[in-house]
Amino acid sequence: MRMTGKGAADILIPSLYFHKTGENNTEKTLLMAAKRAEELGVKHILVATTSGKTGTLAAEVFKGKNVVVVTHSMGFAERDHQELRPTYRKKIEALGAKILTCQHAFGGVGRAVRKKLGTYELEEIMAYTLRIFGQGTKVAIEIALMAVDAGLVPVSEPCLSIGGTGEGADTALLLMPSNAQTFFDLRVMEILAKPRMG
């Protein structure tokens, strides 16, 4: 470690960069995040899930922490349908994790405008901008906004936020979260894992 300015120490931590996106990276992503959570004493863990499979794995790996499993909103894939499977819901809840189902921070009414009028609104432009770092990075940042807005994690402490590309998890960020209305206060502190391409 090297000391720089006002007694602060630079740190060197490992980051895992995957050659491919997707579900095959889930275990490594969760273990990398768990190791860093223990090193730093991070109490709040956010993880995106669709079917609930990744959410269940995260609830097992991070058992005893404030684990928030964030699902797609109701009707995301089709009307009146929730993609989180009831069997996974029961397992996640039995492991002590919370489940958050709400409007996506980078979707909602803006997406309705695109679908109806064929033009993009601010939220989806922000989502496309974040995707230059990968889909998982966009997801990890988005679920952090959603969890704070729901009152499930505080803005005063760092959290680990885990997202993916398609299925599974391939991205883990250490960040200081914020509310959606104060989005520009959110800070990505560390990139623990992400795909190099995709």
C-alpha atoms as a PDB file:
ATOM      1  CA  MET A   1       0.000   0.000   0.000  1.00  0.00           C
ATOM      2  CA  ARG A   2       1.224   3.509  -0.816  1.00  0.00           C
ATOM      3  CA  MET A   3       0.265   6.578   1.189  1.00  0.00           C
ATOM      4  CA  THR A   4      -0.933   9.598  -0.788  1.00  0.00           C
ATOM      5  CA  GLY A   5      -2.287  12.962   0.336  1.00  0.00           C
ATOM      6  CA  LYS A   6      -3.713  13.555   3.833  1.00  0.00           C
ATOM      7  CA  GLY A   7      -2.749  10.097   5.093  1.00  0.00           C
ATOM      8  CA  ALA A   8      -4.997   8.193   2.675  1.00  0.00           C
ATOM      9  CA  ALA A   9      -3.716   4.857   1.429  1.00  0.00           C
ATOM     10  CA  ASP A  10      -4.080   3.637  -2.131  1.00  0.00           C
ATOM     11  CA  ILE A  11      -5.384   0.097  -2.273  1.00  0.00           C
ATOM     12  CA  LEU A  12      -4.844  -2.729  -4.673  1.00  0.00           C
ATOM     13  CA  ILE A  13      -7.649  -5.271  -4.930  1.00  0.00           C
ATOM     14  CA  PRO A  14      -8.286  -8.078  -7.390  1.00  0.00           C
ATOM     15  CA  SER A  15     -10.941  -7.684 -10.071  1.00  0.00           C
ATOM     16  CA  LEU A  16     -12.307 -10.553 -12.108  1.00  0.00           C
ATOM     17  CA  TYR A  17     -12.957  -9.927 -15.811  1.00  0.00           C
ATOM     18  CA  PHE A  18     -14.869 -12.628 -17.670  1.00  0.00           C
ATOM     19  CA  HIS A  19     -14.317 -13.519 -21.329  1.00  0.00           C
ATOM     20  CA  LYS A  20     -18.038 -14.167 -21.805  1.00  0.00           C
ATOM     21  CA  THR A  21     -21.219 -12.816 -20.232  1.00  0.00           C
ATOM     22  CA  GLY A  22     -23.889 -14.785 -18.479  1.00  0.00           C
ATOM     23  CA  GLU A  23     -24.923 -17.452 -16.040  1.00  0.00           C
ATOM     24  CA  ASN A  24     -21.683 -19.464 -16.155  1.00  0.00           C
ATOM     25  CA  ASN A  25     -20.044 -16.642 -14.156  1.00  0.00           C
ATOM     26  CA  THR A  26     -22.553 -16.621 -11.285  1.00  0.00           C
ATOM     27  CA  GLU A  27     -20.647 -18.663  -8.708  1.00  0.00           C
ATOM     28  CA  LYS A  28     -17.353 -16.839  -9.244  1.00  0.00           C
ATOM     29  CA  THR A  29     -19.097 -13.454  -9.109  1.00  0.00           C
ATOM     30  CA  LEU A  30     -20.888 -14.253  -5.848  1.00  0.00           C
ATOM     31  CA  LEU A  31     -17.746 -15.678  -4.213  1.00  0.00           C
ATOM     32  CA  MET A  32     -15.653 -12.665  -5.272  1.00  0.00           C
ATOM     33  CA  ALA A  33     -18.283 -10.329  -3.825  1.00  0.00           C
ATOM     34  CA  ALA A  34     -18.574 -12.381  -0.617  1.00  0.00           C
ATOM     35  CA  LYS A  35     -14.815 -12.238  -0.060  1.00  0.00           C
ATOM     36  CA  ARG A  36     -14.795  -8.459  -0.429  1.00  0.00           C
ATOM     37  CA  ALA A  37     -17.875  -8.070   1.785  1.00  0.00           C
ATOM     38  CA  GLU A  38     -16.063  -9.908   4.571  1.00  0.00           C
ATOM     39  CA  GLU A  39     -12.862  -7.884   4.102  1.00  0.00           C
ATOM     40  CA  LEU A  40     -14.739  -4.584   4.365  1.00  0.00           C
ATOM     41  CA  GLY A  41     -17.547  -5.587   6.715  1.00  0.00           C
ATOM     42  CA  VAL A  42     -20.195  -4.679   4.140  1.00  0.00           C
ATOM     43  CA  LYS A  43     -23.654  -5.491   5.525  1.00  0.00           C
ATOM     44  CA  HIS A  44     -25.909  -4.703   2.553  1.00  0.00           C
ATOM     45  CA  ILE A  45     -26.027  -6.953  -0.511  1.00  0.00           C
ATOM     46  CA  LEU A  46     -28.225  -6.330  -3.556  1.00  0.00           C
ATOM     47  CA  VAL A  47     -28.732  -8.915  -6.264  1.00  0.00           C
ATOM     48  CA  ALA A  48     -30.880  -8.928  -9.390  1.00  0.00           C
ATOM     49  CA  THR A  49     -32.846 -12.051 -10.209  1.00  0.00           C
ATOM     50  CA  THR A  50     -35.440 -13.050 -12.784  1.00  0.00           C
ATOM     51  CA  SER A  51     -36.543 -16.616 -12.042  1.00  0.00           C
ATOM     52  CA  GLY A  52     -35.119 -16.502  -8.513  1.00  0.00           C
ATOM     53  CA  LYS A  53     -32.247 -18.925  -9.088  1.00  0.00           C
ATOM     54  CA  THR A  54     -29.513 -16.299  -8.720  1.00  0.00           C
ATOM     55  CA  GLY A  55     -31.363 -14.682  -5.831  1.00  0.00           C
ATOM     56  CA  THR A  56     -31.494 -18.002  -3.989  1.00  0.00           C
ATOM     57  CA  LEU A  57     -27.765 -18.608  -4.492  1.00  0.00           C
ATOM     58  CA  ALA A  58     -26.972 -15.100  -3.222  1.00  0.00           C
ATOM     59  CA  ALA A  59     -29.241 -15.548  -0.191  1.00  0.00           C
ATOM     60  CA  GLU A  60     -27.253 -18.692   0.652  1.00  0.00           C
ATOM     61  CA  VAL A  61     -23.812 -17.142   0.097  1.00  0.00           C
ATOM     62  CA  PHE A  62     -24.605 -13.943   2.033  1.00  0.00           C
ATOM     63  CA  LYS A  63     -26.818 -15.492   4.737  1.00  0.00           C
ATOM     64  CA  GLY A  64     -26.844 -13.274   7.832  1.00  0.00           C
ATOM     65  CA  LYS A  65     -26.399 -10.029   5.889  1.00  0.00           C
ATOM     66  CA  ASN A  66     -29.085  -7.625   4.674  1.00  0.00           C
ATOM     67  CA  VAL A  67     -29.679  -9.351   1.333  1.00  0.00           C
ATOM     68  CA  VAL A  68     -32.146  -7.657  -1.008  1.00  0.00           C
ATOM     69  CA  VAL A  69     -33.177  -9.732  -4.029  1.00  0.00           C
ATOM     70  CA  VAL A  70     -34.579  -7.470  -6.755  1.00  0.00           C
ATOM     71  CA  THR A  71     -36.972  -8.967  -9.302  1.00  0.00           C
ATOM     72  CA  HIS A  72     -38.402  -7.741 -12.566  1.00  0.00           C
ATOM     73  CA  SER A  73     -41.535  -5.667 -12.113  1.00  0.00           C
ATOM     74  CA  MET A  74     -44.899  -7.369 -12.442  1.00  0.00           C
ATOM     75  CA  GLY A  75     -45.854  -7.549 -16.118  1.00  0.00           C
ATOM     76  CA  PHE A  76     -42.294  -6.986 -17.349  1.00  0.00           C
ATOM     77  CA  ALA A  77     -42.321  -9.991 -19.692  1.00  0.00           C
ATOM     78  CA  GLU A  78     -46.079 -10.361 -20.146  1.00  0.00           C
ATOM     79  CA  ARG A  79     -49.255  -8.919 -18.649  1.00  0.00           C
ATOM     80  CA  ASP A  80     -50.181 -10.011 -15.121  1.00  0.00           C
ATOM     81  CA  HIS A  81     -47.117 -12.254 -14.874  1.00  0.00           C
ATOM     82  CA  GLN A  82     -44.300 -12.317 -12.314  1.00  0.00           C
ATOM     83  CA  GLU A  83     -41.175 -14.137 -13.471  1.00  0.00           C
ATOM     84  CA  LEU A  84     -39.967 -14.941  -9.941  1.00  0.00           C
ATOM     85  CA  ARG A  85     -40.904 -18.588  -9.428  1.00  0.00           C
ATOM     86  CA  PRO A  86     -42.862 -19.371  -6.247  1.00  0.00           C
ATOM     87  CA  THR A  87     -40.449 -22.160  -5.250  1.00  0.00           C
ATOM     88  CA  TYR A  88     -37.483 -19.770  -5.362  1.00  0.00           C
ATOM     89  CA  ARG A  89     -39.486 -17.086  -3.526  1.00  0.00           C
ATOM     90  CA  LYS A  90     -40.032 -19.494  -0.624  1.00  0.00           C
ATOM     91  CA  LYS A  91     -36.337 -20.452  -0.521  1.00  0.00           C
ATOM     92  CA  ILE A  92     -35.178 -16.817  -0.616  1.00  0.00           C
ATOM     93  CA  GLU A  93     -37.540 -15.824   2.182  1.00  0.00           C
ATOM     94  CA  ALA A  94     -36.614 -18.904   4.245  1.00  0.00           C
ATOM     95  CA  LEU A  95     -32.958 -17.843   4.012  1.00  0.00           C
ATOM     96  CA  GLY A  96     -33.864 -14.462   5.512  1.00  0.00           C
ATOM     97  CA  ALA A  97     -33.438 -12.321   2.399  1.00  0.00           C
ATOM     98  CA  LYS A  98     -35.871  -9.574   1.374  1.00  0.00           C
ATOM     99  CA  ILE A  99     -37.548  -9.528  -2.036  1.00  0.00           C
ATOM    100  CA  LEU A 100     -38.110  -6.226  -3.825  1.00  0.00           C
ATOM    101  CA  THR A 101     -40.529  -6.037  -6.744  1.00  0.00           C
ATOM    102  CA  CYS A 102     -41.168  -2.513  -8.012  1.00  0.00           C
ATOM    103  CA  GLN A 103     -40.895  -0.253 -11.043  1.00  0.00           C
ATOM    104  CA  HIS A 104     -37.477  -0.304 -12.695  1.00  0.00           C
ATOM    105  CA  ALA A 105     -35.535   2.894 -12.094  1.00  0.00           C
ATOM    106  CA  PHE A 106     -34.548   3.149 -15.767  1.00  0.00           C
ATOM    107  CA  GLY A 107     -37.926   1.999 -17.169  1.00  0.00           C
ATOM    108  CA  GLY A 108     -41.489   2.861 -16.350  1.00  0.00           C
ATOM    109  CA  VAL A 109     -43.323   5.682 -18.057  1.00  0.00           C
ATOM    110  CA  GLY A 110     -40.323   6.475 -20.251  1.00  0.00           C
ATOM    111  CA  ARG A 111     -40.496   2.960 -21.658  1.00  0.00           C
ATOM    112  CA  ALA A 112     -44.221   3.423 -22.307  1.00  0.00           C
ATOM    113  CA  VAL A 113     -43.409   6.537 -24.370  1.00  0.00           C
ATOM    114  CA  ARG A 114     -40.890   4.551 -26.444  1.00  0.00           C
ATOM    115  CA  LYS A 115     -43.311   1.688 -27.027  1.00  0.00           C
ATOM    116  CA  LYS A 116     -46.217   3.956 -27.942  1.00  0.00           C
ATOM    117  CA  LEU A 117     -44.509   6.878 -29.679  1.00  0.00           C
ATOM    118  CA  GLY A 118     -41.216   5.379 -30.839  1.00  0.00           C
ATOM    119  CA  THR A 119     -38.953   7.857 -29.076  1.00  0.00           C
ATOM    120  CA  TYR A 120     -36.573   7.384 -26.158  1.00  0.00           C
ATOM    121  CA  GLU A 121     -36.933   9.226 -22.873  1.00  0.00           C
ATOM    122  CA  LEU A 122     -34.210  10.170 -20.387  1.00  0.00           C
ATOM    123  CA  GLU A 123     -34.336   7.012 -18.233  1.00  0.00           C
ATOM    124  CA  GLU A 124     -33.685   4.667 -21.138  1.00  0.00           C
ATOM    125  CA  ILE A 125     -30.953   6.927 -22.530  1.00  0.00           C
ATOM    126  CA  MET A 126     -29.234   6.700 -19.130  1.00  0.00           C
ATOM    127  CA  ALA A 127     -29.620   2.908 -19.239  1.00  0.00           C
ATOM    128  CA  TYR A 128     -28.013   2.732 -22.691  1.00  0.00           C
ATOM    129  CA  THR A 129     -25.176   4.949 -21.478  1.00  0.00           C
ATOM    130  CA  LEU A 130     -24.471   2.685 -18.515  1.00  0.00           C
ATOM    131  CA  ARG A 131     -24.510  -0.353 -20.808  1.00  0.00           C
ATOM    132  CA  ILE A 132     -21.228   0.814 -22.344  1.00  0.00           C
ATOM    133  CA  PHE A 133     -19.764  -0.727 -19.169  1.00  0.00           C
ATOM    134  CA  GLY A 134     -21.911  -3.855 -19.672  1.00  0.00           C
ATOM    135  CA  GLN A 135     -25.497  -4.877 -19.015  1.00  0.00           C
ATOM    136  CA  GLY A 136     -24.604  -6.132 -15.540  1.00  0.00           C
ATOM    137  CA  THR A 137     -23.198  -2.732 -14.574  1.00  0.00           C
ATOM    138  CA  LYS A 138     -26.425  -1.027 -15.644  1.00  0.00           C
ATOM    139  CA  VAL A 139     -28.448  -3.549 -13.648  1.00  0.00           C
ATOM    140  CA  ALA A 140     -26.284  -3.247 -10.518  1.00  0.00           C
ATOM    141  CA  ILE A 141     -26.640   0.534 -10.502  1.00  0.00           C
ATOM    142  CA  GLU A 142     -30.363   0.406 -11.266  1.00  0.00           C
ATOM    143  CA  ILE A 143     -31.211  -2.014  -8.451  1.00  0.00           C
ATOM    144  CA  ALA A 144     -29.263   0.142  -6.005  1.00  0.00           C
ATOM    145  CA  LEU A 145     -31.555   3.080  -6.794  1.00  0.00           C
ATOM    146  CA  MET A 146     -34.608   0.866  -6.433  1.00  0.00           C
ATOM    147  CA  ALA A 147     -33.515  -0.604  -3.083  1.00  0.00           C
ATOM    148  CA  VAL A 148     -32.781   2.817  -1.601  1.00  0.00           C
ATOM    149  CA  ASP A 149     -36.105   4.221  -2.812  1.00  0.00           C
ATOM    150  CA  ALA A 150     -37.852   1.255  -1.162  1.00  0.00           C
ATOM    151  CA  GLY A 151     -36.077   1.957   2.142  1.00  0.00           C
ATOM    152  CA  LEU A 152     -34.257  -1.392   2.157  1.00  0.00           C
ATOM    153  CA  VAL A 153     -30.695  -0.023   2.203  1.00  0.00           C
ATOM    154  CA  PRO A 154     -29.360   3.288   3.529  1.00  0.00           C
ATOM    155  CA  VAL A 155     -27.450   5.873   1.507  1.00  0.00           C
ATOM    156  CA  SER A 156     -24.967   6.279   4.376  1.00  0.00           C
ATOM    157  CA  GLU A 157     -23.221   2.907   3.956  1.00  0.00           C
ATOM    158  CA  PRO A 158     -21.614   1.135   1.014  1.00  0.00           C
ATOM    159  CA  CYS A 159     -23.302  -1.915  -0.437  1.00  0.00           C
ATOM    160  CA  LEU A 160     -22.403  -4.647  -2.872  1.00  0.00           C
ATOM    161  CA  SER A 161     -24.656  -4.657  -5.919  1.00  0.00           C
ATOM    162  CA  ILE A 162     -24.701  -7.672  -8.220  1.00  0.00           C
ATOM    163  CA  GLY A 163     -26.213  -7.830 -11.707  1.00  0.00           C
ATOM    164  CA  GLY A 164     -25.965  -9.889 -14.822  1.00  0.00           C
ATOM    165  CA  THR A 165     -26.362 -10.157 -18.551  1.00  0.00           C
ATOM    166  CA  GLY A 166     -29.391 -12.280 -19.395  1.00  0.00           C
ATOM    167  CA  GLU A 167     -29.370 -15.016 -16.768  1.00  0.00           C
ATOM    168  CA  GLY A 168     -27.167 -15.349 -13.723  1.00  0.00           C
ATOM    169  CA  ALA A 169     -24.662 -12.859 -12.342  1.00  0.00           C
ATOM    170  CA  ASP A 170     -21.505 -11.586 -14.014  1.00  0.00           C
ATOM    171  CA  THR A 171     -21.014  -8.150 -12.444  1.00  0.00           C
ATOM    172  CA  ALA A 172     -20.349  -7.059  -8.861  1.00  0.00           C
ATOM    173  CA  LEU A 173     -19.849  -3.445  -7.783  1.00  0.00           C
ATOM    174  CA  LEU A 174     -19.067  -1.898  -4.429  1.00  0.00           C
ATOM    175  CA  LEU A 175     -20.952   1.374  -4.383  1.00  0.00           C
ATOM    176  CA  MET A 176     -22.411   4.137  -2.274  1.00  0.00           C
ATOM    177  CA  PRO A 177     -26.077   4.046  -3.262  1.00  0.00           C
ATOM    178  CA  SER A 178     -28.495   6.921  -3.652  1.00  0.00           C
ATOM    179  CA  ASN A 179     -32.151   7.589  -4.285  1.00  0.00           C
ATOM    180  CA  ALA A 180     -33.249   7.822  -7.900  1.00  0.00           C
ATOM    181  CA  GLN A 181     -33.984  11.530  -7.426  1.00  0.00           C
ATOM    182  CA  THR A 182     -30.357  12.070  -6.351  1.00  0.00           C
ATOM    183  CA  PHE A 183     -28.904   9.651  -8.929  1.00  0.00           C
ATOM    184  CA  PHE A 184     -25.752  11.710  -9.481  1.00  0.00           C
ATOM    185  CA  ASP A 185     -24.746  11.225  -5.840  1.00  0.00           C
ATOM    186  CA  LEU A 186     -24.307   7.471  -6.437  1.00  0.00           C
ATOM    187  CA  ARG A 187     -20.642   6.475  -6.499  1.00  0.00           C
ATOM    188  CA  VAL A 188     -19.141   3.273  -7.871  1.00  0.00           C
ATOM    189  CA  MET A 189     -16.250   2.588  -5.508  1.00  0.00           C
ATOM    190  CA  GLU A 190     -14.890  -0.705  -6.815  1.00  0.00           C
ATOM    191  CA  ILE A 191     -15.515  -3.027  -9.760  1.00  0.00           C
ATOM    192  CA  LEU A 192     -15.067  -6.535  -8.408  1.00  0.00           C
ATOM    193  CA  ALA A 193     -16.233  -8.486 -11.453  1.00  0.00           C
ATOM    194  CA  LYS A 194     -17.588  -7.804 -14.924  1.00  0.00           C
ATOM    195  CA  PRO A 195     -17.379  -9.188 -18.450  1.00  0.00           C
ATOM    196  CA  ARG A 196     -14.652  -7.689 -20.644  1.00  0.00           C
ATOM    197  CA  MET A 197     -17.013  -7.708 -23.611  1.00  0.00           C
ATOM    198  CA  GLY A 198     -20.694  -8.214 -24.165  1.00  0.00           C
END
